[in-house]
Amino acid sequence: MATTEIDQDAIDHAWPTHYWHPLADGRVQCDLCPRFCQLKPGQRGFCFVRANVGNAIVLTTYGRSSGYCIDPIEKKPLNHFLPGTPVLSFGTSGCNLACKFCQNWDISKSREIDTLADAASPELIARAAVALNCRSVAYTYNDPVIFHEYAIDVAQACAEHGIKSVAVSAGYVCEAPRAAFYNHIDAANIDLKSMSESFYHKLTGGHLQTVLETIQYIHHETDVWLELTTLLIPGENDSDQALQQLTQWVLEQLGPDVPLHFSAFHPDFKMMDTPSTPFKTLQRARKIALDNGLHYVYTGNVHDKAGESTYCHHCGELLIGRDWYQLSEWNLTSLGYCQFCDTPCAGRFEAQPGDWGAKRQVVDLSHF
């Protein structure tokens, strides 16, 4: 599927890519994601950022971002990966899904080049992360799958400086580019939007199976720390049956230690008439997941100290207190064990938590 014709600015910023092949009719097919866009010269793909220039698929957003911010790592959300530390976050524009409920649509659905006003090389981003005392860099706001080559180059530059890489993604990517991408990633939060194929087809324009395969691949075949997020949309994926199906799949396919975040929907983009998620729905979802045997289940986009905090799955004691991304209690040993019963807590922890807090700081990389 193709969209708009490419403009001169995009041609000037074209960057070579790897996952495509020519077709007999003169078009080229993008093989990055299951959309398999088949493009004539000058056409953009569905994601908007990959295009046919010179009979090859190129990336038009390499080195350009919608902006840079320092966030708490818990905002990604990642609760079991270097808690309390700051993460330098950025995205580009475009997306390879068409979620009618997108909460970042101003970035992911952007078709304006002004969105990409901030430019930075991979090495500059890595140096900035070091200077800003960030422990990691996050590819977020829109899906890093579509700026695959840029994200990998940034991750490689960051690794040379001891900076970790974090991906926030919907998991809609083909097998070969998926393996190449996650070879450079340290932690990921994947959106598992529903266990319903009809939900994916109707509300995202994608398909469920690829997402499930990505989640299973990350957990079983890589060393990437994995957490999942489900945005609960009233009337769409919040029934007891839907929640039972989703949480049972997580337990059976991934085990009890993969953290699951239930996040509150607010009316946005093409679903302005859908009401916000009631707080009781999040609590109900969390209870169902815990009752089904998952060890670490969280609520998000609401103020819920109990639902944001981490508890020992063996003795029930509070391990990590959180309040709007601000850490309070810390009852883990230096090895990541419960101080009360010596049960290990799943995750990637350091001897002491970070102290970044809940603040969000916009960064201008031109100063580095």
Protein backbone atom coordinates (compact mmCIF):
# COMPACT_ATOMS: atom_id res chain seq x y z
CA MET A 1 0.00 0.00 0.00
CA ALA A 2 1.38 3.41 -0.97
CA THR A 3 0.49 6.88 0.23
CA THR A 4 1.65 10.31 -0.87
CA GLU A 5 4.26 11.21 -3.42
CA ILE A 6 7.70 11.98 -2.02
CA ASP A 7 8.92 15.57 -1.93
CA GLN A 8 12.35 17.04 -2.62
CA ASP A 9 13.23 17.40 1.07
CA ALA A 10 12.71 13.68 1.58
CA ILE A 11 14.80 12.88 -1.48
CA ASP A 12 17.60 15.06 -0.13
CA HIS A 13 17.54 13.12 3.16
CA ALA A 14 17.19 9.64 1.67
CA TRP A 15 19.13 6.93 3.54
CA PRO A 16 19.69 3.42 2.14
CA THR A 17 17.82 0.51 3.74
CA HIS A 18 18.19 -3.26 3.63
CA TYR A 19 14.78 -4.92 3.62
CA TRP A 20 13.23 -4.64 0.18
CA HIS A 21 13.32 -6.30 -3.24
CA PRO A 22 12.44 -5.30 -6.82
CA LEU A 23 9.28 -6.52 -8.52
CA ALA A 24 8.88 -7.56 -12.14
CA ASP A 25 6.55 -4.64 -12.92
CA GLY A 26 9.15 -2.00 -11.99
CA ARG A 27 7.94 -1.36 -8.47
CA VAL A 28 9.91 -2.26 -5.32
CA GLN A 29 8.49 -4.03 -2.26
CA CYS A 30 9.36 -3.04 1.29
CA ASP A 31 9.96 -6.13 3.43
CA LEU A 32 10.34 -4.42 6.81
CA CYS A 33 6.82 -5.08 8.11
CA PRO A 34 3.88 -7.27 7.10
CA ARG A 35 2.29 -4.49 5.06
CA PHE A 36 4.77 -5.25 2.25
CA CYS A 37 4.16 -1.89 0.54
CA GLN A 38 4.75 -2.08 -3.22
CA LEU A 39 5.91 1.31 -4.42
CA LYS A 40 6.39 3.04 -7.71
CA PRO A 41 9.28 5.53 -8.01
CA GLY A 42 8.57 8.58 -5.85
CA GLN A 43 5.92 6.95 -3.69
CA ARG A 44 5.96 6.73 0.11
CA GLY A 45 4.92 3.64 2.02
CA PHE A 46 2.04 3.45 4.48
CA CYS A 47 4.43 4.43 7.31
CA PHE A 48 5.20 7.68 5.43
CA VAL A 49 8.94 7.56 6.19
CA ARG A 50 10.09 4.80 3.82
CA ALA A 51 9.89 5.52 0.12
CA ASN A 52 10.97 4.46 -3.36
CA VAL A 53 13.82 6.70 -4.50
CA GLY A 54 15.93 5.54 -7.43
CA ASN A 55 14.14 2.16 -7.48
CA ALA A 56 15.22 1.37 -3.93
CA ILE A 57 13.52 1.71 -0.57
CA VAL A 58 15.08 4.53 1.46
CA LEU A 59 14.50 5.98 4.92
CA THR A 60 13.60 9.68 4.77
CA THR A 61 13.91 10.46 8.50
CA TYR A 62 17.45 9.27 9.26
CA GLY A 63 19.08 11.65 11.73
CA ARG A 64 15.92 13.71 12.27
CA SER A 65 13.64 13.66 15.28
CA SER A 66 10.39 15.12 16.57
CA GLY A 67 12.27 16.17 19.69
CA TYR A 68 14.30 14.92 22.66
CA CYS A 69 13.24 14.64 26.30
CA ILE A 70 14.60 13.10 29.46
CA ASP A 71 11.92 10.91 31.07
CA PRO A 72 11.84 8.55 34.02
CA ILE A 73 12.36 5.01 32.74
CA GLU A 74 9.06 4.09 34.42
CA LYS A 75 7.23 6.25 31.87
CA LYS A 76 8.08 3.96 28.95
CA PRO A 77 6.70 2.03 30.94
CA LEU A 78 9.51 -0.14 32.30
CA ASN A 79 9.29 -0.88 36.02
CA HIS A 80 11.91 -3.63 36.26
CA PHE A 81 14.71 -2.11 34.19
CA LEU A 82 17.08 0.25 36.04
CA PRO A 83 14.32 1.77 38.22
CA GLY A 84 14.51 5.47 38.98
CA THR A 85 16.99 6.26 36.20
CA PRO A 86 16.62 8.93 33.50
CA VAL A 87 16.21 7.90 29.86
CA LEU A 88 16.84 10.16 26.86
CA SER A 89 13.77 9.66 24.67
CA PHE A 90 13.10 10.51 21.04
CA GLY A 91 11.03 9.52 18.03
CA THR A 92 10.60 10.57 14.42
CA SER A 93 7.28 10.72 12.56
CA GLY A 94 5.00 8.18 10.94
CA CYS A 95 3.85 4.69 11.94
CA ASN A 96 3.17 1.35 10.25
CA LEU A 97 -0.11 0.81 12.11
CA ALA A 98 -3.30 2.85 11.83
CA CYS A 99 -4.57 2.79 15.42
CA LYS A 100 -7.78 4.78 15.66
CA PHE A 101 -7.06 5.27 19.37
CA CYS A 102 -3.46 6.47 19.01
CA GLN A 103 -2.44 8.52 22.05
CA ASN A 104 0.59 10.01 20.22
CA TRP A 105 -1.12 10.68 16.90
CA ASP A 106 0.35 14.18 16.54
CA ILE A 107 3.76 12.50 16.11
CA SER A 108 2.98 9.05 14.74
CA LYS A 109 0.52 10.35 12.15
CA SER A 110 2.46 13.48 11.29
CA ARG A 111 2.84 14.30 7.62
CA GLU A 112 4.60 17.60 8.25
CA ILE A 113 8.35 17.85 7.84
CA ASP A 114 8.37 20.56 10.56
CA THR A 115 7.76 17.75 13.03
CA LEU A 116 11.34 16.67 12.31
CA ALA A 117 13.04 19.92 13.18
CA ASP A 118 15.61 18.41 15.55
CA ALA A 119 18.57 16.74 13.85
CA ALA A 120 21.20 14.57 15.49
CA SER A 121 23.71 11.94 14.45
CA PRO A 122 23.88 8.65 16.37
CA GLU A 123 27.18 9.70 17.95
CA LEU A 124 25.74 13.04 19.07
CA ILE A 125 22.80 11.30 20.77
CA ALA A 126 25.18 8.94 22.57
CA ARG A 127 27.40 11.81 23.75
CA ALA A 128 24.38 13.77 24.92
CA ALA A 129 23.10 10.78 26.91
CA VAL A 130 26.45 10.53 28.67
CA ALA A 131 26.60 14.26 29.39
CA LEU A 132 23.04 14.25 30.72
CA ASN A 133 23.75 11.26 32.99
CA CYS A 134 21.12 9.13 31.28
CA ARG A 135 21.54 5.39 31.73
CA SER A 136 19.64 4.61 28.54
CA VAL A 137 18.18 5.99 25.31
CA ALA A 138 14.59 5.17 24.31
CA TYR A 139 13.23 4.89 20.77
CA THR A 140 9.64 5.89 21.44
CA TYR A 141 6.76 8.33 20.71
CA ASN A 142 6.34 6.59 17.36
CA ASP A 143 7.38 3.04 16.50
CA PRO A 144 11.15 2.56 16.05
CA VAL A 145 10.47 -0.29 13.63
CA ILE A 146 9.99 2.25 10.85
CA PHE A 147 13.26 4.09 11.53
CA HIS A 148 15.05 0.75 11.84
CA GLU A 149 18.43 1.78 10.42
CA TYR A 150 18.65 5.00 12.43
CA ALA A 151 17.67 3.26 15.67
CA ILE A 152 20.27 0.53 15.19
CA ASP A 153 23.02 3.05 14.47
CA VAL A 154 22.06 5.04 17.57
CA ALA A 155 22.03 1.84 19.66
CA GLN A 156 25.51 0.90 18.43
CA ALA A 157 26.86 4.36 19.21
CA CYS A 158 25.26 4.25 22.66
CA ALA A 159 26.68 0.82 23.43
CA GLU A 160 30.18 2.16 22.81
CA HIS A 161 29.55 4.68 25.62
CA GLY A 162 27.94 2.18 28.00
CA ILE A 163 24.43 3.53 27.37
CA LYS A 164 21.56 1.02 27.17
CA SER A 165 18.90 1.05 24.45
CA VAL A 166 15.16 0.81 25.05
CA ALA A 167 12.50 0.15 22.39
CA VAL A 168 8.82 1.02 22.78
CA SER A 169 7.04 -0.74 19.95
CA ALA A 170 3.85 -2.36 18.72
CA GLY A 171 5.90 -5.34 17.54
CA TYR A 172 4.65 -5.22 13.93
CA VAL A 173 7.81 -6.23 12.09
CA CYS A 174 9.02 -9.07 9.87
CA GLU A 175 11.33 -11.84 11.03
CA ALA A 176 14.70 -10.79 9.58
CA PRO A 177 14.57 -7.08 10.50
CA ARG A 178 13.17 -8.06 13.91
CA ALA A 179 16.22 -10.18 14.66
CA ALA A 180 18.59 -7.46 13.44
CA PHE A 181 16.86 -4.80 15.52
CA TYR A 182 16.64 -6.65 18.83
CA ASN A 183 20.26 -7.70 18.57
CA HIS A 184 21.03 -4.11 19.64
CA ILE A 185 18.27 -3.54 22.22
CA ASP A 186 18.57 -4.01 26.00
CA ALA A 187 14.94 -3.59 27.06
CA ALA A 188 11.60 -3.36 25.30
CA ASN A 189 8.00 -2.58 26.08
CA ILE A 190 5.68 -4.10 23.49
CA ASP A 191 2.02 -3.17 23.07
CA LEU A 192 -0.19 -6.23 23.25
CA LYS A 193 -3.36 -4.40 22.32
CA SER A 194 -5.73 -7.36 22.43
CA MET A 195 -5.89 -11.10 21.81
CA SER A 196 -8.55 -10.49 19.16
CA GLU A 197 -7.67 -10.53 15.47
CA SER A 198 -10.84 -8.57 14.73
CA PHE A 199 -9.70 -5.86 17.17
CA TYR A 200 -6.36 -5.56 15.37
CA HIS A 201 -8.00 -5.53 11.95
CA LYS A 202 -10.73 -3.02 12.85
CA LEU A 203 -8.85 -0.63 15.10
CA THR A 204 -5.18 -0.86 14.02
CA GLY A 205 -5.24 -1.99 10.40
CA GLY A 206 -2.79 -4.75 11.35
CA HIS A 207 -2.81 -8.38 12.43
CA LEU A 208 -2.34 -10.04 15.79
CA GLN A 209 -0.15 -13.03 14.93
CA THR A 210 2.93 -11.00 13.99
CA VAL A 211 2.77 -9.18 17.33
CA LEU A 212 2.53 -12.45 19.27
CA GLU A 213 5.50 -13.84 17.34
CA THR A 214 7.55 -10.72 18.12
CA ILE A 215 6.77 -10.97 21.84
CA GLN A 216 7.65 -14.67 21.95
CA TYR A 217 10.84 -14.07 19.96
CA ILE A 218 12.05 -11.33 22.32
CA HIS A 219 11.32 -13.36 25.43
CA HIS A 220 12.56 -16.77 24.32
CA GLU A 221 15.33 -16.01 21.84
CA THR A 222 17.04 -12.82 23.05
CA ASP A 223 18.48 -11.35 26.24
CA VAL A 224 16.25 -8.28 25.95
CA TRP A 225 14.33 -7.41 29.13
CA LEU A 226 10.64 -7.48 28.16
CA GLU A 227 7.55 -5.78 29.57
CA LEU A 228 4.08 -5.55 27.98
CA THR A 229 1.43 -2.84 27.86
CA THR A 230 -2.28 -3.12 27.09
CA LEU A 231 -4.28 0.07 26.63
CA LEU A 232 -7.76 -0.73 27.94
CA ILE A 233 -10.46 0.79 25.72
CA PRO A 234 -14.03 0.72 27.04
CA GLY A 235 -16.20 -1.66 25.07
CA GLU A 236 -13.34 -2.93 22.90
CA ASN A 237 -10.86 -5.01 24.92
CA ASP A 238 -11.86 -4.62 28.57
CA SER A 239 -14.34 -7.46 29.12
CA ASP A 240 -13.59 -10.18 31.68
CA GLN A 241 -13.36 -12.68 28.82
CA ALA A 242 -10.84 -10.56 26.90
CA LEU A 243 -8.74 -9.98 30.02
CA GLN A 244 -8.81 -13.66 30.95
CA GLN A 245 -7.67 -14.62 27.46
CA LEU A 246 -4.85 -12.07 27.36
CA THR A 247 -3.45 -12.76 30.83
CA GLN A 248 -3.67 -16.52 30.41
CA TRP A 249 -1.73 -16.26 27.14
CA VAL A 250 0.99 -14.23 28.85
CA LEU A 251 1.27 -16.79 31.64
CA GLU A 252 1.27 -19.82 29.34
CA GLN A 253 3.57 -18.46 26.64
CA LEU A 254 5.92 -16.21 28.63
CA GLY A 255 5.65 -17.29 32.26
CA PRO A 256 4.70 -15.31 35.37
CA ASP A 257 7.64 -12.90 35.53
CA VAL A 258 7.01 -10.69 32.46
CA PRO A 259 5.53 -7.43 33.83
CA LEU A 260 2.18 -6.42 32.37
CA HIS A 261 0.94 -2.82 32.40
CA PHE A 262 -2.74 -1.97 31.99
CA SER A 263 -2.98 1.62 30.79
CA ALA A 264 -5.95 3.99 30.80
CA PHE A 265 -7.34 5.22 27.48
CA HIS A 266 -8.42 8.82 27.01
CA PRO A 267 -10.48 10.05 24.02
CA ASP A 268 -8.15 10.94 21.18
CA PHE A 269 -7.57 10.90 17.41
CA LYS A 270 -10.44 8.97 15.74
CA MET A 271 -12.08 7.74 18.95
CA MET A 272 -13.13 11.00 20.55
CA ASP A 273 -16.57 9.60 21.35
CA THR A 274 -15.21 6.69 23.38
CA PRO A 275 -15.13 7.44 27.12
CA SER A 276 -11.99 7.32 29.24
CA THR A 277 -11.14 4.08 30.99
CA PRO A 278 -12.74 3.93 34.45
CA PHE A 279 -10.32 3.43 37.32
CA LYS A 280 -12.29 0.37 38.42
CA THR A 281 -11.63 -1.25 35.03
CA LEU A 282 -7.88 -1.00 35.58
CA GLN A 283 -8.23 -2.45 39.07
CA ARG A 284 -10.37 -5.29 37.74
CA ALA A 285 -7.86 -6.07 34.99
CA ARG A 286 -4.99 -6.09 37.48
CA LYS A 287 -6.87 -8.46 39.80
CA ILE A 288 -7.67 -10.85 36.96
CA ALA A 289 -4.02 -10.94 35.91
CA LEU A 290 -2.78 -11.50 39.45
CA ASP A 291 -5.42 -14.17 40.07
CA ASN A 292 -4.24 -15.93 36.90
CA GLY A 293 -0.72 -16.15 38.34
CA LEU A 294 1.18 -13.20 36.90
CA HIS A 295 3.66 -11.82 39.43
CA TYR A 296 3.99 -8.19 38.34
CA VAL A 297 0.91 -6.30 37.13
CA TYR A 298 0.62 -2.51 36.98
CA THR A 299 -1.89 0.24 36.25
CA GLY A 300 -0.88 3.29 34.22
CA ASN A 301 -2.07 6.75 33.13
CA VAL A 302 -3.85 7.07 36.49
CA HIS A 303 -2.79 7.91 40.03
CA ASP A 304 -2.69 4.55 41.78
CA LYS A 305 0.22 4.09 44.16
CA ALA A 306 -0.72 0.47 44.88
CA GLY A 307 -1.07 -0.31 41.18
CA GLU A 308 2.22 1.39 40.31
CA SER A 309 4.29 -0.33 42.99
CA THR A 310 6.15 -3.65 42.94
CA TYR A 311 5.43 -6.37 45.49
CA CYS A 312 7.20 -9.62 46.31
CA HIS A 313 5.21 -12.43 44.70
CA HIS A 314 6.24 -14.78 47.53
CA CYS A 315 5.66 -12.86 50.77
CA GLY A 316 3.60 -9.93 49.46
CA GLU A 317 5.82 -7.22 50.95
CA LEU A 318 6.36 -3.92 49.14
CA LEU A 319 9.62 -4.00 47.17
CA ILE A 320 9.52 -0.76 45.15
CA GLY A 321 7.11 2.05 46.02
CA ARG A 322 6.04 4.36 43.18
CA ASP A 323 3.85 7.45 43.07
CA TRP A 324 3.47 9.08 39.65
CA TYR A 325 6.88 7.70 38.56
CA GLN A 326 8.50 8.91 41.79
CA LEU A 327 10.23 6.12 43.70
CA SER A 328 9.65 5.98 47.44
CA GLU A 329 10.30 2.67 49.22
CA TRP A 330 13.17 0.44 48.07
CA ASN A 331 13.32 -2.98 49.67
CA LEU A 332 15.54 -4.89 47.26
CA THR A 333 18.98 -6.19 48.14
CA SER A 334 21.98 -5.29 46.01
CA LEU A 335 21.36 -8.53 44.08
CA GLY A 336 17.68 -7.75 43.39
CA TYR A 337 16.21 -9.99 46.11
CA CYS A 338 13.36 -9.27 48.52
CA GLN A 339 14.80 -7.98 51.80
CA PHE A 340 12.07 -9.75 53.76
CA CYS A 341 12.15 -13.31 52.37
CA ASP A 342 15.14 -13.39 50.01
CA THR A 343 12.99 -14.21 46.95
CA PRO A 344 14.45 -12.85 43.68
CA CYS A 345 12.56 -10.11 41.89
CA ALA A 346 12.66 -10.49 38.11
CA GLY A 347 14.32 -7.60 36.31
CA ARG A 348 17.56 -5.76 35.58
CA PHE A 349 18.50 -3.91 38.74
CA GLU A 350 21.54 -2.07 40.03
CA ALA A 351 22.64 -2.02 43.67
CA GLN A 352 20.84 1.28 44.23
CA PRO A 353 17.89 2.85 42.40
CA GLY A 354 18.19 6.05 40.42
CA ASP A 355 16.91 9.33 41.82
CA TRP A 356 15.62 11.06 38.67
CA GLY A 357 12.06 11.26 39.99
CA ALA A 358 8.97 12.08 37.93
CA LYS A 359 10.23 15.12 36.03
CA ARG A 360 10.26 15.47 32.25
CA GLN A 361 12.98 17.65 30.73
CA VAL A 362 13.05 18.84 27.13
CA VAL A 363 16.56 18.76 25.64
CA ASP A 364 18.11 20.72 22.80
CA LEU A 365 20.85 18.53 21.35
CA SER A 366 22.35 21.41 19.41
CA HIS A 367 24.09 22.35 22.68
CA PHE A 368 26.16 19.16 22.70
